[in-house]
Amino acid sequence: MVKHLRVLLLLLMTIVTGGGIYAQEVTLDFTSNTWGLPTSYFKEAATYTDGTYSVSFGNSNSGHKFSTNYLIFGKKGATLSLPAFDFDVEKIVVVGKSGASQSVKQNIYVGNTPVSTETKGAQDANIYKIADAYQAAGTIYTLKVTSAANTQVTKIEIYKTNTKNVTNITFGEDNDNRTFSVNVGDAFTAPTATLTPAEAGTLTYSSSNTDVATVDATTGAVTLGETAGTATITAAFEGNDTYAASSASYTIQLTKPFAVEDGVFDFSHPEAYGKGTSSSSSKDGDMAVGETLQAGNVTLTVSKNNTNTTTRFWNDGLRVYDDAQFTISVPKGYIIKAVEVNPSKDVTVGDLNSQNVTLDFNKTTLKTITVTYEQAAESKDVTLHVGSTGYATLYYSDRALTVPEYAEATTYSAEFGKGLEVSSRYEEGEIIPAGEAVVIYALEEGDYTFKEADGTNVTKDDTNMLFGSDEETAIDNDDTYYFYKLSLDSNGKNVGFYWGAENGASFTNGAHKAYLKVSKENAANAKAFIFGGDATGIQALTSDKTRANAPVYNLAGQRVSKTYKGIVIQNGKKYVK
């Protein structure tokens, strides 16, 4: 056999690939048959040498041979073992042949262990970076075919592990590999890493869990998150041609202390509410009537306790006993939409959609109470002040209103020769349609609340001569009408509708006030319509007390005493006494 070896001992050829720089040390050349390889397929195990190095083939179904200017062997399971080298090996390059199989898969093995990344195809050079644990001198590397195809090889290049200067990184003797326990919200000053030697290069910082902590890649400054967990902070030097890579790290264990959530009462944490835990020898968790717990904007008040046993924090939750009652409250302007009690049995939840909700209990041990609340819709109820005259006007275009107790509302019409007459009357509890201008008569001076109502089934009085405005408005003038506003006469005695401007001209109407608009023909030059007469149709209201004290008459019209027995008439109605 002709033996041939190309050993590059003095000339170091460097090539740059993927992530490092390597020195080529040995080339095993199969472009000529210096190995004495068979020229037809040989399926048995065999060893060949070029005089310096030996290579060995294992048994295979397809066998191996030399063909013109390359080595071919396969298929799946076929192996070519390389000689042991007296230097550490960092990379092996297997150079294929143009036109070779594109599907063949192969890898470098040590024994039965793959020590690099499997490749596919043999037309080009396949590069195998050897795992760090298998780079030692004297290791036997085997090129194995791992798919049902032949591989073709022209050269195998062996690259020596480069010798680099050692570097060291430290966060300080007390901080390397240390675990820092920190609470969410606490301040944390990160230790700074040092690279030795400093001239080797620069450090890069990273975090293994950015939800827990983020780190500035350049400075190493750490910002804690709000998620409990663990993050490893690493300072790394990636290495270069002269200096080896190195790293150091520490760990942050971020803990989120229990915090009371808005609307959530968690009774497994009595300390969060300033309470202790009761036991056979302690009353630190007892809650007296009137005592409160706070969860954000929500207040829980013990309204009632069992006669014999008080509500109390115990080691398994909040113990509540028969007939106990809580009141859940939210701030003014908000309403409670839902109350979830865990466990949900043995509790009755009162009416929702209000500022306060009661919970009535049978004996149970509570784990949590969760309250959902929202801002209450803006009330459209209207409060109207009625002065000493007993009269006022009212107008709202966007809502129907209910007449309150001890008040009534009227609309008016006018015909020539008849003066002003009541057109419609809305008594206590009846609904004034939206957009209906009315006169309000009340029994006494004071504030009266007209609650917003469903005006779907009520209609406006189409003969009403009262009009209104939601804002202070200058009334459009019309020379065919007189315009009147509610007021007292010049003597301050008689209340009614009087000209609001000289000669009955239009004027500026107040917000949510009503005014009277009468055609000059029907007004018959009237400067005023005074209340109290039959023409206005205003009827005085009486209080319950007044009505109760009204005189009583028998069916003959004779006044009788209140002890009279039989059918009587009072306030215009018949009663049996």
Protein backbone atom coordinates (compact mmCIF):
# COMPACT_ATOMS: atom_id res chain seq x y z
CA MET A 1 0.00 0.00 0.00
CA VAL A 2 1.08 3.51 -0.67
CA LYS A 3 1.00 5.41 2.56
CA HIS A 4 0.37 9.12 2.60
CA LEU A 5 -0.13 11.57 5.47
CA ARG A 6 -0.58 15.26 5.47
CA VAL A 7 0.27 16.56 8.89
CA LEU A 8 0.38 20.30 9.38
CA LEU A 9 2.63 20.71 12.39
CA LEU A 10 4.15 24.13 11.74
CA LEU A 11 1.48 25.80 9.63
CA LEU A 12 -1.70 26.61 11.56
CA MET A 13 -4.63 27.40 9.36
CA THR A 14 -7.52 29.16 11.10
CA ILE A 15 -11.09 29.27 9.90
CA VAL A 16 -13.97 31.19 11.42
CA THR A 17 -17.25 29.35 11.92
CA GLY A 18 -20.46 29.78 13.91
CA GLY A 19 -19.00 30.89 17.23
CA GLY A 20 -15.25 30.34 17.53
CA ILE A 21 -11.78 30.17 15.95
CA TYR A 22 -10.04 26.82 15.54
CA ALA A 23 -6.55 25.61 14.45
CA GLN A 24 -6.53 22.87 11.81
CA GLU A 25 -4.10 20.16 12.92
CA VAL A 26 -4.54 17.00 10.77
CA THR A 27 -6.07 16.16 7.37
CA LEU A 28 -6.96 12.59 6.43
CA ASP A 29 -7.01 12.63 2.59
CA PHE A 30 -9.10 10.15 0.59
CA THR A 31 -8.74 11.79 -2.85
CA SER A 32 -6.15 9.16 -3.73
CA ASN A 33 -5.94 5.58 -2.52
CA THR A 34 -2.88 5.88 -0.28
CA TRP A 35 -4.76 3.78 2.28
CA GLY A 36 -4.95 0.62 0.21
CA LEU A 37 -8.75 0.61 0.25
CA PRO A 38 -10.60 -2.04 -1.76
CA THR A 39 -12.01 -0.85 -5.09
CA SER A 40 -15.13 -2.99 -4.78
CA TYR A 41 -17.51 -3.08 -1.83
CA PHE A 42 -16.15 -4.89 1.21
CA LYS A 43 -18.74 -5.56 3.92
CA GLU A 44 -16.55 -6.96 6.67
CA ALA A 45 -14.78 -4.97 9.40
CA ALA A 46 -11.31 -3.84 8.31
CA THR A 47 -8.50 -1.48 9.27
CA TYR A 48 -6.35 0.54 6.84
CA THR A 49 -3.30 2.75 7.36
CA ASP A 50 -1.38 5.35 5.38
CA GLY A 51 1.76 4.66 7.37
CA THR A 52 1.10 7.18 10.13
CA TYR A 53 -2.58 6.94 11.00
CA SER A 54 -5.03 4.08 10.83
CA VAL A 55 -8.76 4.09 10.18
CA SER A 56 -11.21 1.25 10.83
CA PHE A 57 -14.53 0.26 9.23
CA GLY A 58 -17.17 -1.79 10.99
CA ASN A 59 -19.36 -4.47 9.45
CA SER A 60 -22.03 -3.00 7.17
CA ASN A 61 -24.73 -4.12 4.76
CA SER A 62 -23.42 -2.04 1.85
CA GLY A 63 -19.73 -2.13 2.69
CA HIS A 64 -16.96 0.34 1.83
CA LYS A 65 -14.61 0.99 -1.12
CA PHE A 66 -12.39 3.53 -2.88
CA SER A 67 -13.93 4.97 -6.07
CA THR A 68 -11.76 7.12 -8.35
CA ASN A 69 -11.05 10.04 -5.95
CA TYR A 70 -13.23 9.49 -2.89
CA LEU A 71 -14.23 7.03 -0.20
CA ILE A 72 -17.79 5.63 -0.17
CA PHE A 73 -19.41 3.56 2.58
CA GLY A 74 -22.84 2.89 4.10
CA LYS A 75 -25.62 2.46 4.70
CA LYS A 76 -27.40 2.94 8.09
CA GLY A 77 -25.15 1.84 10.91
CA ALA A 78 -21.94 1.88 8.86
CA THR A 79 -19.01 3.33 10.79
CA LEU A 80 -15.55 4.79 10.15
CA SER A 81 -13.41 5.11 13.30
CA LEU A 82 -10.63 7.68 13.30
CA PRO A 83 -7.25 7.31 15.03
CA ALA A 84 -6.65 8.69 18.51
CA PHE A 85 -4.96 12.08 18.44
CA ASP A 86 -2.45 13.43 20.98
CA PHE A 87 -4.22 16.77 21.26
CA ASP A 88 -7.64 17.99 22.34
CA VAL A 89 -10.09 18.02 19.41
CA GLU A 90 -12.62 20.83 19.16
CA LYS A 91 -13.99 20.27 15.68
CA ILE A 92 -14.04 17.67 12.87
CA VAL A 93 -14.87 18.63 9.27
CA VAL A 94 -15.94 15.86 6.86
CA VAL A 95 -15.60 17.07 3.25
CA GLY A 96 -18.01 15.35 0.86
CA LYS A 97 -18.19 15.18 -2.91
CA SER A 98 -20.25 16.99 -5.49
CA GLY A 99 -23.08 14.75 -6.62
CA ALA A 100 -23.14 12.73 -3.43
CA SER A 101 -26.35 11.86 -1.59
CA GLN A 102 -28.40 14.79 -0.35
CA SER A 103 -30.36 12.67 2.14
CA VAL A 104 -27.67 10.75 3.96
CA LYS A 105 -27.50 11.56 7.67
CA GLN A 106 -24.36 11.20 9.75
CA ASN A 107 -22.79 12.26 13.01
CA ILE A 108 -19.67 11.89 15.14
CA TYR A 109 -19.88 9.37 17.99
CA VAL A 110 -17.73 8.37 20.93
CA GLY A 111 -18.75 4.82 21.59
CA ASN A 112 -22.51 4.86 21.34
CA THR A 113 -22.82 8.54 22.33
CA PRO A 114 -23.34 11.26 19.70
CA VAL A 115 -20.97 14.11 20.56
CA SER A 116 -22.01 16.64 17.93
CA THR A 117 -25.03 17.64 15.84
CA GLU A 118 -26.30 15.30 13.15
CA THR A 119 -25.98 16.56 9.55
CA LYS A 120 -27.83 15.76 6.34
CA GLY A 121 -26.29 15.42 2.86
CA ALA A 122 -22.71 14.64 1.73
CA GLN A 123 -22.21 17.05 -1.15
CA ASP A 124 -20.45 19.74 0.88
CA ALA A 125 -18.34 20.01 4.01
CA ASN A 126 -20.16 18.95 7.20
CA ILE A 127 -18.86 20.58 10.37
CA TYR A 128 -19.04 18.74 13.68
CA LYS A 129 -18.36 20.83 16.83
CA ILE A 130 -17.33 18.33 19.50
CA ALA A 131 -19.07 18.56 22.87
CA ASP A 132 -16.78 19.99 25.54
CA ALA A 133 -16.82 16.78 27.60
CA TYR A 134 -15.44 14.74 24.68
CA GLN A 135 -12.61 16.92 23.41
CA ALA A 136 -9.79 15.27 25.37
CA ALA A 137 -6.69 13.92 23.62
CA GLY A 138 -6.73 10.16 23.00
CA THR A 139 -10.49 10.01 22.33
CA ILE A 140 -11.60 7.70 19.50
CA TYR A 141 -14.11 9.47 17.22
CA THR A 142 -16.36 7.48 14.87
CA LEU A 143 -18.19 8.84 11.82
CA LYS A 144 -21.50 6.92 11.70
CA VAL A 145 -24.13 6.83 8.93
CA THR A 146 -27.56 7.15 10.59
CA SER A 147 -29.88 6.85 7.58
CA ALA A 148 -30.48 4.40 4.73
CA ALA A 149 -28.01 5.96 2.28
CA ASN A 150 -24.29 5.90 1.41
CA THR A 151 -21.93 8.71 2.28
CA GLN A 152 -18.99 9.90 0.17
CA VAL A 153 -15.85 11.41 1.73
CA THR A 154 -12.86 13.17 0.16
CA LYS A 155 -11.18 14.54 3.30
CA ILE A 156 -11.54 14.53 7.07
CA GLU A 157 -10.03 17.58 8.81
CA ILE A 158 -9.22 17.55 12.53
CA TYR A 159 -9.12 20.84 14.44
CA LYS A 160 -7.21 21.26 17.65
CA THR A 161 -8.70 23.02 20.68
CA ASN A 162 -7.18 26.47 20.91
CA THR A 163 -5.36 27.24 24.17
CA LYS A 164 -6.62 30.51 25.64
CA ASN A 165 -5.87 32.59 28.70
CA VAL A 166 -8.17 31.87 31.64
CA THR A 167 -10.57 34.58 32.80
CA ASN A 168 -12.52 34.89 36.01
CA ILE A 169 -15.74 36.71 36.88
CA THR A 170 -16.96 37.36 40.41
CA PHE A 171 -19.75 39.32 42.08
CA GLY A 172 -17.72 39.28 45.26
CA GLU A 173 -16.85 36.45 47.60
CA ASP A 174 -20.15 36.67 49.47
CA ASN A 175 -22.35 37.10 46.39
CA ASP A 176 -21.28 34.45 43.88
CA ASN A 177 -24.02 31.81 43.71
CA ARG A 178 -25.85 33.59 46.53
CA THR A 179 -29.64 33.68 46.74
CA PHE A 180 -31.10 37.08 47.69
CA SER A 181 -34.57 36.94 49.26
CA VAL A 182 -36.51 40.10 48.40
CA ASN A 183 -40.15 41.16 48.76
CA VAL A 184 -42.06 42.73 45.91
CA GLY A 185 -41.79 46.49 46.33
CA ASP A 186 -38.57 46.37 48.35
CA ALA A 187 -35.47 48.22 47.19
CA PHE A 188 -32.68 46.02 45.83
CA THR A 189 -29.12 47.06 45.00
CA ALA A 190 -27.55 44.58 42.60
CA PRO A 191 -23.91 43.55 43.13
CA THR A 192 -21.53 44.43 40.30
CA ALA A 193 -19.39 41.78 38.64
CA THR A 194 -15.65 42.11 38.01
CA LEU A 195 -13.78 40.48 35.10
CA THR A 196 -10.16 39.44 35.59
CA PRO A 197 -8.08 40.34 33.70
CA ALA A 198 -10.00 43.52 32.96
CA GLU A 199 -8.35 43.94 29.56
CA ALA A 200 -9.89 40.66 28.36
CA GLY A 201 -13.08 42.40 27.28
CA THR A 202 -16.52 43.44 28.51
CA LEU A 203 -19.28 41.74 30.47
CA THR A 204 -22.85 41.14 29.42
CA TYR A 205 -25.60 40.69 32.02
CA SER A 206 -28.77 38.63 31.56
CA SER A 207 -31.78 37.43 33.57
CA SER A 208 -33.31 33.97 33.41
CA ASN A 209 -36.79 35.28 34.32
CA THR A 210 -37.65 38.82 33.29
CA ASP A 211 -41.05 38.62 35.02
CA VAL A 212 -39.18 38.46 38.32
CA ALA A 213 -36.25 40.76 37.50
CA THR A 214 -34.80 42.53 34.49
CA VAL A 215 -31.16 43.53 34.28
CA ASP A 216 -29.32 46.17 32.30
CA ALA A 217 -27.13 44.21 29.89
CA THR A 218 -24.28 46.70 30.25
CA THR A 219 -24.34 47.95 33.85
CA GLY A 220 -25.92 45.01 35.66
CA ALA A 221 -28.50 47.26 37.36
CA VAL A 222 -31.55 45.18 38.34
CA THR A 223 -35.22 46.18 38.27
CA LEU A 224 -37.54 43.91 40.23
CA GLY A 225 -40.91 42.92 38.81
CA GLU A 226 -44.17 42.21 40.59
CA THR A 227 -44.33 38.47 39.94
CA ALA A 228 -43.15 36.15 42.68
CA GLY A 229 -40.53 33.63 41.60
CA THR A 230 -36.84 33.05 40.99
CA ALA A 231 -34.47 34.76 38.55
CA THR A 232 -30.79 33.97 38.01
CA ILE A 233 -28.70 37.00 37.11
CA THR A 234 -25.63 36.08 35.09
CA ALA A 235 -22.58 38.12 34.15
CA ALA A 236 -20.82 36.54 31.17
CA PHE A 237 -17.68 37.08 29.11
CA GLU A 238 -18.06 35.35 25.74
CA GLY A 239 -14.34 34.93 25.17
CA ASN A 240 -12.17 35.79 22.18
CA ASP A 241 -9.01 34.61 20.40
CA THR A 242 -6.87 35.25 23.44
CA TYR A 243 -9.14 34.83 26.46
CA ALA A 244 -11.45 32.00 27.42
CA ALA A 245 -15.12 32.56 28.18
CA SER A 246 -16.31 32.67 31.78
CA SER A 247 -19.38 33.57 33.84
CA ALA A 248 -20.71 34.09 37.33
CA SER A 249 -24.20 34.39 38.73
CA TYR A 250 -26.46 34.97 41.71
CA THR A 251 -30.15 34.32 42.30
CA ILE A 252 -33.05 36.55 43.33
CA GLN A 253 -35.94 34.89 45.15
CA LEU A 254 -38.79 37.39 44.86
CA THR A 255 -41.66 36.96 47.30
CA LYS A 256 -44.98 38.74 47.17
CA PRO A 257 -46.27 39.31 50.72
CA PHE A 258 -49.98 38.84 51.20
CA ALA A 259 -51.87 42.00 50.35
CA VAL A 260 -55.56 42.61 50.83
CA GLU A 261 -57.22 43.05 47.46
CA ASP A 262 -60.01 45.54 46.96
CA GLY A 263 -63.26 43.75 47.72
CA VAL A 264 -61.63 40.43 48.70
CA PHE A 265 -61.70 39.24 52.30
CA ASP A 266 -59.29 36.30 52.75
CA PHE A 267 -59.83 34.95 56.23
CA SER A 268 -56.67 32.82 56.17
CA HIS A 269 -54.69 36.01 56.87
CA PRO A 270 -56.13 37.60 60.03
CA GLU A 271 -52.95 39.66 60.45
CA ALA A 272 -53.83 41.55 57.27
CA TYR A 273 -56.85 42.96 59.10
CA GLY A 274 -55.06 43.68 62.35
CA LYS A 275 -56.43 40.56 64.04
CA GLY A 276 -54.89 37.54 65.69
CA THR A 277 -56.16 33.97 65.90
CA SER A 278 -58.45 32.77 68.64
CA SER A 279 -58.00 29.42 70.35
CA SER A 280 -59.03 27.67 73.52
CA SER A 281 -56.62 29.97 75.35
CA SER A 282 -56.81 33.15 73.28
CA LYS A 283 -59.43 35.62 72.10
CA ASP A 284 -57.12 37.55 69.78
CA GLY A 285 -59.30 36.72 66.78
CA ASP A 286 -62.70 37.48 68.37
CA MET A 287 -64.87 40.08 66.64
CA ALA A 288 -67.42 42.06 68.61
CA VAL A 289 -70.62 43.57 67.22
CA GLY A 290 -69.73 46.79 65.40
CA GLU A 291 -66.18 45.68 64.65
CA THR A 292 -65.10 46.06 61.02
CA LEU A 293 -62.72 44.57 58.46
CA GLN A 294 -61.52 46.55 55.47
CA ALA A 295 -60.72 45.28 51.97
CA GLY A 296 -59.90 48.35 49.93
CA ASN A 297 -63.10 50.35 49.49
CA VAL A 298 -65.28 47.58 50.93
CA THR A 299 -66.16 47.40 54.62
CA LEU A 300 -67.39 44.31 56.46
CA THR A 301 -69.17 45.06 59.74
CA VAL A 302 -70.26 42.48 62.29
CA SER A 303 -73.88 43.58 62.74
CA LYS A 304 -74.95 40.72 64.97
CA ASN A 305 -73.32 37.81 66.81
CA ASN A 306 -74.68 34.52 68.05
CA THR A 307 -76.06 34.92 71.56
CA ASN A 308 -73.49 32.57 73.07
CA THR A 309 -70.52 32.58 70.70
CA THR A 310 -68.84 35.49 68.97
CA THR A 311 -67.54 35.57 65.40
CA ARG A 312 -63.82 34.74 65.50
CA PHE A 313 -60.72 34.09 63.42
CA TRP A 314 -59.62 30.49 63.94
CA ASN A 315 -56.77 28.51 62.44
CA ASP A 316 -59.05 27.30 59.64
CA GLY A 317 -60.79 30.58 58.72
CA LEU A 318 -63.42 32.91 60.14
CA ARG A 319 -65.88 31.00 62.27
CA VAL A 320 -69.41 32.36 62.20
CA TYR A 321 -72.26 31.00 64.27
CA ASP A 322 -76.05 30.73 64.01
CA ASP A 323 -77.96 34.02 63.65
CA ALA A 324 -74.79 36.07 63.06
CA GLN A 325 -75.12 38.88 60.54
CA PHE A 326 -72.59 40.92 58.55
CA THR A 327 -73.18 44.15 56.66
CA ILE A 328 -71.10 44.73 53.53
CA SER A 329 -70.75 48.42 52.61
CA VAL A 330 -69.20 50.44 49.79
CA PRO A 331 -68.66 54.21 49.57
CA LYS A 332 -71.44 56.60 48.70
CA GLY A 333 -72.06 56.72 44.98
CA TYR A 334 -71.35 52.99 44.52
CA ILE A 335 -73.55 49.91 44.59
CA ILE A 336 -72.78 46.25 45.30
CA LYS A 337 -73.41 44.04 42.29
CA ALA A 338 -72.37 40.63 43.64
CA VAL A 339 -71.21 38.94 46.85
CA GLU A 340 -69.50 35.55 46.57
CA VAL A 341 -69.17 33.69 49.86
CA ASN A 342 -66.89 30.65 50.17
CA PRO A 343 -68.29 28.28 51.24
CA SER A 344 -71.62 29.44 49.84
CA LYS A 345 -73.86 27.28 52.03
CA ASP A 346 -75.31 28.45 55.34
CA VAL A 347 -75.49 32.08 54.25
CA THR A 348 -78.29 34.25 52.91
CA VAL A 349 -77.24 37.27 50.85
CA GLY A 350 -79.55 40.28 51.04
CA ASP A 351 -80.72 42.52 48.21
CA LEU A 352 -77.97 43.62 45.84
CA ASN A 353 -77.66 46.81 43.77
CA SER A 354 -77.44 48.96 46.87
CA GLN A 355 -74.72 50.58 48.95
CA ASN A 356 -75.17 48.10 51.82
CA VAL A 357 -75.89 44.36 51.68
CA THR A 358 -76.56 42.08 54.65
CA LEU A 359 -75.33 38.51 55.07
CA ASP A 360 -77.22 36.25 57.46
CA PHE A 361 -75.50 33.07 58.65
CA ASN A 362 -75.99 29.65 60.06
CA LYS A 363 -72.92 28.09 61.63
CA THR A 364 -70.04 27.94 59.12
CA THR A 365 -66.32 28.59 58.69
CA LEU A 366 -65.67 31.21 56.05
CA LYS A 367 -62.66 31.09 53.74
CA THR A 368 -63.27 34.16 51.59
CA ILE A 369 -65.86 36.78 50.72
CA THR A 370 -65.48 38.51 47.37
CA VAL A 371 -67.46 41.68 46.69
CA THR A 372 -68.01 43.17 43.25
CA TYR A 373 -69.19 46.76 43.11
CA GLU A 374 -69.50 49.57 40.61
CA GLN A 375 -70.30 53.22 40.45
CA ALA A 376 -74.02 53.84 40.72
CA ALA A 377 -75.78 55.37 37.76
CA GLU A 378 -76.30 59.09 38.17
CA SER A 379 -79.66 59.72 39.77
CA LYS A 380 -82.18 61.61 37.66
CA ASP A 381 -84.48 62.30 40.58
CA VAL A 382 -85.38 65.97 40.91
CA THR A 383 -85.61 67.93 44.14
CA LEU A 384 -87.81 71.03 43.88
CA HIS A 385 -88.11 73.70 46.53
CA VAL A 386 -91.65 75.03 46.99
CA GLY A 387 -91.77 78.37 48.76
CA SER A 388 -94.25 79.88 51.17
CA THR A 389 -96.81 80.54 48.40
CA GLY A 390 -97.22 76.80 47.95
CA TYR A 391 -96.65 77.07 44.18
CA ALA A 392 -93.76 76.39 41.78
CA THR A 393 -93.29 75.39 38.17
CA LEU A 394 -91.40 72.41 36.79
CA TYR A 395 -90.14 71.24 33.38
CA TYR A 396 -87.79 68.42 32.31
CA SER A 397 -87.65 67.35 28.70
CA ASP A 398 -85.57 64.18 29.24
CA ARG A 399 -87.38 62.34 32.03
CA ALA A 400 -90.78 61.44 33.40
CA LEU A 401 -91.27 62.17 37.10
CA THR A 402 -93.48 60.83 39.87
CA VAL A 403 -95.50 63.31 41.95
CA PRO A 404 -94.41 63.03 45.60
CA GLU A 405 -96.56 62.90 48.71
CA TYR A 406 -98.46 66.10 49.61
CA ALA A 407 -98.06 67.62 46.17
CA GLU A 408 -99.86 67.69 42.84
CA ALA A 409 -99.08 68.91 39.34
CA THR A 410 -101.43 70.63 36.89
CA THR A 411 -101.48 71.75 33.28
CA TYR A 412 -103.63 74.60 31.94
CA SER A 413 -105.60 75.64 28.88
CA ALA A 414 -107.47 78.84 28.06
CA GLU A 415 -110.43 79.67 25.93
CA PHE A 416 -111.95 83.03 25.10
CA GLY A 417 -114.35 84.07 27.78
CA LYS A 418 -113.49 81.20 30.12
CA GLY A 419 -110.11 82.28 31.34
CA LEU A 420 -107.50 79.77 32.51
CA GLU A 421 -108.68 76.26 33.40
CA VAL A 422 -107.01 73.09 34.64
CA SER A 423 -106.42 70.80 31.69
CA SER A 424 -104.79 67.81 33.46
CA ARG A 425 -104.05 67.00 37.05
CA TYR A 426 -101.30 64.62 38.27
CA GLU A 427 -101.85 63.58 41.86
CA GLU A 428 -99.55 61.90 44.39
CA GLY A 429 -97.91 58.83 42.85
CA GLU A 430 -98.94 59.69 39.28
CA ILE A 431 -96.39 60.25 36.51
CA ILE A 432 -95.71 63.57 34.81
CA PRO A 433 -94.67 62.81 31.21
CA ALA A 434 -91.25 63.94 29.98
CA GLY A 435 -91.49 67.37 28.39
CA GLU A 436 -94.71 68.30 30.22
CA ALA A 437 -94.55 71.78 31.78
CA VAL A 438 -96.58 71.90 35.00
CA VAL A 439 -97.50 73.98 38.03
CA ILE A 440 -96.72 72.30 41.34
CA TYR A 441 -98.85 72.90 44.38
CA ALA A 442 -97.59 71.60 47.74
CA LEU A 443 -99.14 71.52 51.14
CA GLU A 444 -96.20 73.08 52.94
CA GLU A 445 -93.05 74.99 52.13
CA GLY A 446 -90.06 72.70 51.67
CA ASP A 447 -88.12 70.43 49.35
CA TYR A 448 -90.03 67.80 47.37
CA THR A 449 -88.32 64.95 45.52
CA PHE A 450 -89.78 63.90 42.19
CA LYS A 451 -88.35 60.48 41.41
CA GLU A 452 -87.49 59.51 37.84
CA ALA A 453 -90.20 57.27 36.43
CA ASP A 454 -90.92 55.08 33.44
CA GLY A 455 -92.92 57.35 31.18
CA THR A 456 -93.51 54.75 28.47
CA ASN A 457 -97.27 54.58 28.97
CA VAL A 458 -98.02 58.24 29.70
CA THR A 459 -98.65 60.96 27.15
CA LYS A 460 -98.41 64.70 27.27
CA ASP A 461 -101.45 66.96 27.47
CA ASP A 462 -101.75 68.40 23.96
CA THR A 463 -103.98 71.26 25.19
CA ASN A 464 -101.44 72.40 27.77
CA MET A 465 -100.54 76.09 27.40
CA LEU A 466 -97.58 75.79 29.75
CA PHE A 467 -94.15 75.56 28.15
CA GLY A 468 -90.67 75.18 29.62
CA SER A 469 -86.93 75.05 29.00
CA ASP A 470 -84.10 72.90 30.43
CA GLU A 471 -81.73 75.85 30.48
CA GLU A 472 -82.16 79.56 31.06
CA THR A 473 -83.56 80.58 27.68
CA ALA A 474 -84.76 83.74 25.99
CA ILE A 475 -88.27 82.91 24.78
CA ASP A 476 -88.91 83.60 21.09
CA ASN A 477 -91.22 86.60 20.80
CA ASP A 478 -94.57 86.27 19.06
CA ASP A 479 -96.78 89.35 18.75
CA THR A 480 -99.93 87.19 18.71
CA TYR A 481 -99.29 85.84 22.23
CA TYR A 482 -98.92 87.08 25.77
CA PHE A 483 -96.21 85.49 27.93
CA TYR A 484 -96.72 84.97 31.66
CA LYS A 485 -94.50 83.78 34.50
CA LEU A 486 -95.38 82.49 37.96
CA SER A 487 -94.99 85.21 40.61
CA LEU A 488 -96.72 87.26 43.26
CA ASP A 489 -98.55 90.46 42.46
CA SER A 490 -96.94 93.82 43.10
CA ASN A 491 -98.31 93.76 46.63
CA GLY A 492 -96.70 90.42 47.34
CA LYS A 493 -100.01 88.80 48.19
CA ASN A 494 -101.62 86.92 45.33
CA VAL A 495 -99.76 84.20 43.45
CA GLY A 496 -100.49 83.53 39.80
CA PHE A 497 -99.25 84.00 36.24
CA TYR A 498 -98.36 87.61 35.48
CA TRP A 499 -96.87 89.28 32.45
CA GLY A 500 -93.17 88.48 32.50
CA ALA A 501 -92.27 91.63 30.55
CA GLU A 502 -93.87 94.90 29.60
CA ASN A 503 -97.04 94.51 27.50
CA GLY A 504 -96.87 90.73 27.87
CA ALA A 505 -93.80 90.39 25.65
CA SER A 506 -91.47 87.39 25.82
CA PHE A 507 -88.80 87.19 28.53
CA THR A 508 -85.96 84.95 29.71
CA ASN A 509 -87.25 81.74 31.27
CA GLY A 510 -85.29 80.03 34.06
CA ALA A 511 -83.79 76.53 33.80
CA HIS A 512 -86.41 73.81 34.32
CA LYS A 513 -89.11 76.43 34.82
CA ALA A 514 -92.49 76.67 33.10
CA TYR A 515 -94.16 79.75 31.63
CA LEU A 516 -97.65 80.39 30.30
CA LYS A 517 -98.22 81.28 26.65
CA VAL A 518 -101.77 82.40 25.77
CA SER A 519 -102.96 83.81 22.47
CA LYS A 520 -104.03 87.41 22.76
CA GLU A 521 -107.43 86.39 21.47
CA ASN A 522 -108.01 83.92 24.30
CA ALA A 523 -106.28 86.05 26.92
CA ALA A 524 -108.80 88.88 26.39
CA ASN A 525 -106.10 91.38 27.41
CA ALA A 526 -105.67 89.69 30.83
CA LYS A 527 -102.45 90.82 32.51
CA ALA A 528 -102.61 88.03 35.07
CA PHE A 529 -104.25 84.76 36.01
CA ILE A 530 -104.48 84.57 39.79
CA PHE A 531 -104.60 81.25 41.64
CA GLY A 532 -107.22 80.52 44.24
CA GLY A 533 -110.32 81.23 42.17
CA ASP A 534 -112.54 78.78 40.32
CA ALA A 535 -111.07 79.84 37.01
CA THR A 536 -107.71 78.33 37.82
CA GLY A 537 -109.17 75.10 39.14
CA ILE A 538 -106.36 74.82 41.73
CA GLN A 539 -107.46 72.71 44.62
CA ALA A 540 -105.83 73.01 48.00
CA LEU A 541 -104.27 69.86 49.43
CA THR A 542 -104.63 68.82 53.04
CA SER A 543 -102.39 66.79 55.26
CA ASP A 544 -103.43 63.42 56.67
CA LYS A 545 -103.94 65.12 59.99
CA THR A 546 -106.22 67.77 58.45
CA ARG A 547 -108.18 65.13 56.61
CA ALA A 548 -108.56 63.08 59.78
CA ASN A 549 -109.96 66.11 61.64
CA ALA A 550 -112.48 66.99 58.91
CA PRO A 551 -116.12 67.15 60.14
CA VAL A 552 -118.27 64.00 59.94
CA TYR A 553 -121.88 63.95 58.61
CA ASN A 554 -124.64 61.36 58.50
CA LEU A 555 -126.57 60.55 55.32
CA ALA A 556 -129.09 63.30 56.20
CA GLY A 557 -126.30 65.86 56.10
CA GLN A 558 -126.32 66.42 59.82
CA ARG A 559 -122.95 66.85 61.51
CA VAL A 560 -122.31 64.07 64.01
CA SER A 561 -119.57 63.19 66.48
CA LYS A 562 -116.72 60.88 65.64
CA THR A 563 -118.24 58.23 67.93
CA TYR A 564 -121.32 58.04 65.68
CA LYS A 565 -122.07 54.50 64.49
CA GLY A 566 -123.35 53.81 60.99
CA ILE A 567 -122.71 55.22 57.54
CA VAL A 568 -120.99 58.60 57.66
CA ILE A 569 -119.53 61.11 55.18
CA GLN A 570 -116.07 62.64 55.72
CA ASN A 571 -113.95 64.51 53.20
CA GLY A 572 -116.66 63.80 50.64
CA LYS A 573 -116.43 60.00 51.07
CA LYS A 574 -118.75 57.46 52.73
CA TYR A 575 -117.53 55.21 55.54
CA VAL A 576 -119.09 52.56 57.80
CA LYS A 577 -118.33 53.11 61.50
